[in-house]
Amino acid sequence: MRDALEVAEGDTLLYVVEGKQVRITTKHQLAQELYGSLAEDDRRDFTQELLDERRAEAQREKP
């Protein structure tokens, strides 16, 4: 089952309920699926914008 799901020892499994079905996934796989899901029709990727803002803040905070 680990091979089929590409799950390594120590990975956290998540059970996602979709209607009357349950899907097993990992946090990493779910994050990959959700990445960019906030993009609007105008092609703005709010997920990437947030990451860029956080990186810029971190750079400004460095001594």
N, C-alpha and C. Protein backbone atom coordinates (compact mmCIF):
# COMPACT_ATOMS: atom_id res chain seq x y z
N MET A 1 0.82 -1.18 0.00
CA MET A 1 0.00 0.00 0.00
C MET A 1 0.88 1.26 0.00
N ARG A 2 2.00 1.22 0.74
CA ARG A 2 2.90 2.38 0.75
C ARG A 2 3.41 2.71 -0.64
N ASP A 3 3.78 1.69 -1.38
CA ASP A 3 4.28 1.92 -2.74
C ASP A 3 3.21 2.54 -3.62
N ALA A 4 1.99 2.01 -3.54
CA ALA A 4 0.90 2.51 -4.37
C ALA A 4 0.57 3.96 -4.04
N LEU A 5 0.65 4.33 -2.76
CA LEU A 5 0.32 5.68 -2.33
C LEU A 5 1.54 6.60 -2.28
N GLU A 6 2.72 6.04 -2.57
CA GLU A 6 3.98 6.79 -2.49
C GLU A 6 4.15 7.40 -1.11
N VAL A 7 3.96 6.55 -0.09
CA VAL A 7 4.06 6.96 1.30
C VAL A 7 5.32 6.36 1.90
N ALA A 8 6.09 7.21 2.55
CA ALA A 8 7.32 6.76 3.20
C ALA A 8 7.05 6.56 4.69
N GLU A 9 7.89 5.77 5.32
CA GLU A 9 7.76 5.56 6.76
C GLU A 9 7.90 6.91 7.46
N GLY A 10 7.00 7.19 8.37
CA GLY A 10 7.01 8.45 9.09
C GLY A 10 6.13 9.53 8.50
N ASP A 11 5.64 9.35 7.26
CA ASP A 11 4.73 10.32 6.66
C ASP A 11 3.43 10.34 7.45
N THR A 12 2.85 11.52 7.57
CA THR A 12 1.55 11.66 8.22
C THR A 12 0.46 11.42 7.19
N LEU A 13 -0.44 10.49 7.50
CA LEU A 13 -1.55 10.21 6.60
C LEU A 13 -2.75 11.05 6.98
N LEU A 14 -3.47 11.50 5.97
CA LEU A 14 -4.70 12.26 6.18
C LEU A 14 -5.85 11.50 5.53
N TYR A 15 -6.98 11.51 6.18
CA TYR A 15 -8.18 10.92 5.63
C TYR A 15 -9.08 12.07 5.20
N VAL A 16 -9.35 12.16 3.92
CA VAL A 16 -10.14 13.24 3.36
C VAL A 16 -11.50 12.67 2.97
N VAL A 17 -12.57 13.20 3.59
CA VAL A 17 -13.92 12.74 3.30
C VAL A 17 -14.45 13.55 2.13
N GLU A 18 -14.84 12.86 1.07
CA GLU A 18 -15.39 13.50 -0.13
C GLU A 18 -16.73 12.84 -0.41
N GLY A 19 -17.80 13.49 0.04
CA GLY A 19 -19.12 12.88 -0.10
C GLY A 19 -19.21 11.66 0.78
N LYS A 20 -19.46 10.51 0.16
CA LYS A 20 -19.54 9.26 0.91
C LYS A 20 -18.29 8.41 0.72
N GLN A 21 -17.23 9.03 0.25
CA GLN A 21 -15.97 8.33 0.05
C GLN A 21 -14.89 8.92 0.95
N VAL A 22 -13.93 8.09 1.30
CA VAL A 22 -12.79 8.54 2.09
C VAL A 22 -11.54 8.30 1.26
N ARG A 23 -10.71 9.33 1.18
CA ARG A 23 -9.47 9.25 0.42
C ARG A 23 -8.31 9.36 1.40
N ILE A 24 -7.31 8.53 1.23
CA ILE A 24 -6.11 8.58 2.07
C ILE A 24 -5.01 9.28 1.28
N THR A 25 -4.38 10.26 1.91
CA THR A 25 -3.30 11.00 1.27
C THR A 25 -2.30 11.43 2.34
N THR A 26 -1.22 12.06 1.93
CA THR A 26 -0.26 12.60 2.88
C THR A 26 -0.40 14.12 2.90
N LYS A 27 0.17 14.75 3.92
CA LYS A 27 0.14 16.21 3.99
C LYS A 27 0.83 16.80 2.76
N HIS A 28 1.96 16.21 2.37
CA HIS A 28 2.71 16.73 1.23
C HIS A 28 1.89 16.63 -0.06
N GLN A 29 1.25 15.49 -0.28
CA GLN A 29 0.46 15.31 -1.50
C GLN A 29 -0.73 16.26 -1.53
N LEU A 30 -1.37 16.48 -0.39
CA LEU A 30 -2.50 17.39 -0.33
C LEU A 30 -2.04 18.82 -0.59
N ALA A 31 -0.90 19.20 -0.03
CA ALA A 31 -0.37 20.54 -0.26
C ALA A 31 -0.07 20.75 -1.75
N GLN A 32 0.47 19.73 -2.41
CA GLN A 32 0.75 19.83 -3.84
C GLN A 32 -0.54 20.02 -4.63
N GLU A 33 -1.60 19.32 -4.23
CA GLU A 33 -2.89 19.46 -4.92
C GLU A 33 -3.47 20.85 -4.73
N LEU A 34 -3.31 21.40 -3.53
CA LEU A 34 -3.91 22.69 -3.21
C LEU A 34 -3.09 23.87 -3.69
N TYR A 35 -1.79 23.65 -3.95
CA TYR A 35 -0.91 24.74 -4.36
C TYR A 35 -1.47 25.43 -5.61
N GLY A 36 -1.64 26.69 -5.50
CA GLY A 36 -2.13 27.45 -6.65
C GLY A 36 -3.63 27.41 -6.82
N SER A 37 -4.33 26.72 -5.93
CA SER A 37 -5.78 26.60 -6.09
C SER A 37 -6.49 27.92 -5.82
N LEU A 38 -5.78 28.92 -5.28
CA LEU A 38 -6.39 30.22 -5.03
C LEU A 38 -6.25 31.15 -6.23
N ALA A 39 -5.68 30.67 -7.32
CA ALA A 39 -5.50 31.51 -8.51
C ALA A 39 -6.87 31.94 -9.06
N GLU A 40 -6.99 33.19 -9.41
CA GLU A 40 -8.22 33.74 -9.95
C GLU A 40 -8.19 33.66 -11.48
N ASP A 41 -9.32 34.01 -12.08
CA ASP A 41 -9.40 34.00 -13.54
C ASP A 41 -8.42 34.97 -14.18
N ASP A 42 -7.99 35.99 -13.42
CA ASP A 42 -7.05 36.96 -13.98
C ASP A 42 -5.62 36.43 -13.94
N ARG A 43 -5.50 35.15 -13.63
CA ARG A 43 -4.22 34.43 -13.62
C ARG A 43 -3.32 34.82 -12.44
N ARG A 44 -3.84 35.58 -11.48
CA ARG A 44 -3.05 35.88 -10.29
C ARG A 44 -3.01 34.65 -9.41
N ASP A 45 -1.86 34.34 -8.93
CA ASP A 45 -1.68 33.19 -8.04
C ASP A 45 -1.44 33.74 -6.63
N PHE A 46 -2.50 33.78 -5.84
CA PHE A 46 -2.41 34.37 -4.52
C PHE A 46 -1.51 33.55 -3.59
N THR A 47 -1.44 32.27 -3.82
CA THR A 47 -0.55 31.44 -3.02
C THR A 47 0.89 31.87 -3.24
N GLN A 48 1.28 32.04 -4.49
CA GLN A 48 2.65 32.47 -4.80
C GLN A 48 2.90 33.88 -4.31
N GLU A 49 1.92 34.76 -4.44
CA GLU A 49 2.08 36.13 -3.96
C GLU A 49 2.32 36.15 -2.45
N LEU A 50 1.60 35.33 -1.71
CA LEU A 50 1.79 35.26 -0.27
C LEU A 50 3.19 34.75 0.07
N LEU A 51 3.63 33.72 -0.64
CA LEU A 51 4.97 33.20 -0.41
C LEU A 51 6.03 34.26 -0.71
N ASP A 52 5.86 34.98 -1.79
CA ASP A 52 6.80 36.04 -2.16
C ASP A 52 6.85 37.13 -1.09
N GLU A 53 5.67 37.51 -0.57
CA GLU A 53 5.62 38.53 0.48
C GLU A 53 6.33 38.05 1.74
N ARG A 54 6.12 36.81 2.11
CA ARG A 54 6.76 36.26 3.31
C ARG A 54 8.28 36.21 3.15
N ARG A 55 8.74 35.84 1.97
CA ARG A 55 10.18 35.82 1.72
C ARG A 55 10.78 37.22 1.80
N ALA A 56 10.08 38.20 1.24
CA ALA A 56 10.55 39.57 1.28
C ALA A 56 10.61 40.07 2.73
N GLU A 57 9.60 39.74 3.53
CA GLU A 57 9.60 40.12 4.95
C GLU A 57 10.78 39.49 5.66
N ALA A 58 11.03 38.23 5.39
CA ALA A 58 12.14 37.53 6.05
C ALA A 58 13.48 38.17 5.68
N GLN A 59 13.63 38.60 4.42
CA GLN A 59 14.86 39.26 3.99
C GLN A 59 15.05 40.61 4.70
N ARG A 60 13.95 41.35 4.86
CA ARG A 60 14.03 42.64 5.54
C ARG A 60 14.38 42.49 7.02
N GLU A 61 13.98 41.38 7.62
CA GLU A 61 14.23 41.16 9.05
C GLU A 61 15.62 40.67 9.35
N LYS A 62 16.36 40.22 8.34
CA LYS A 62 17.72 39.74 8.56
C LYS A 62 18.63 40.92 8.95
N PRO A 63 19.53 40.68 9.92
CA PRO A 63 20.45 41.76 10.34
C PRO A 63 21.47 42.10 9.28
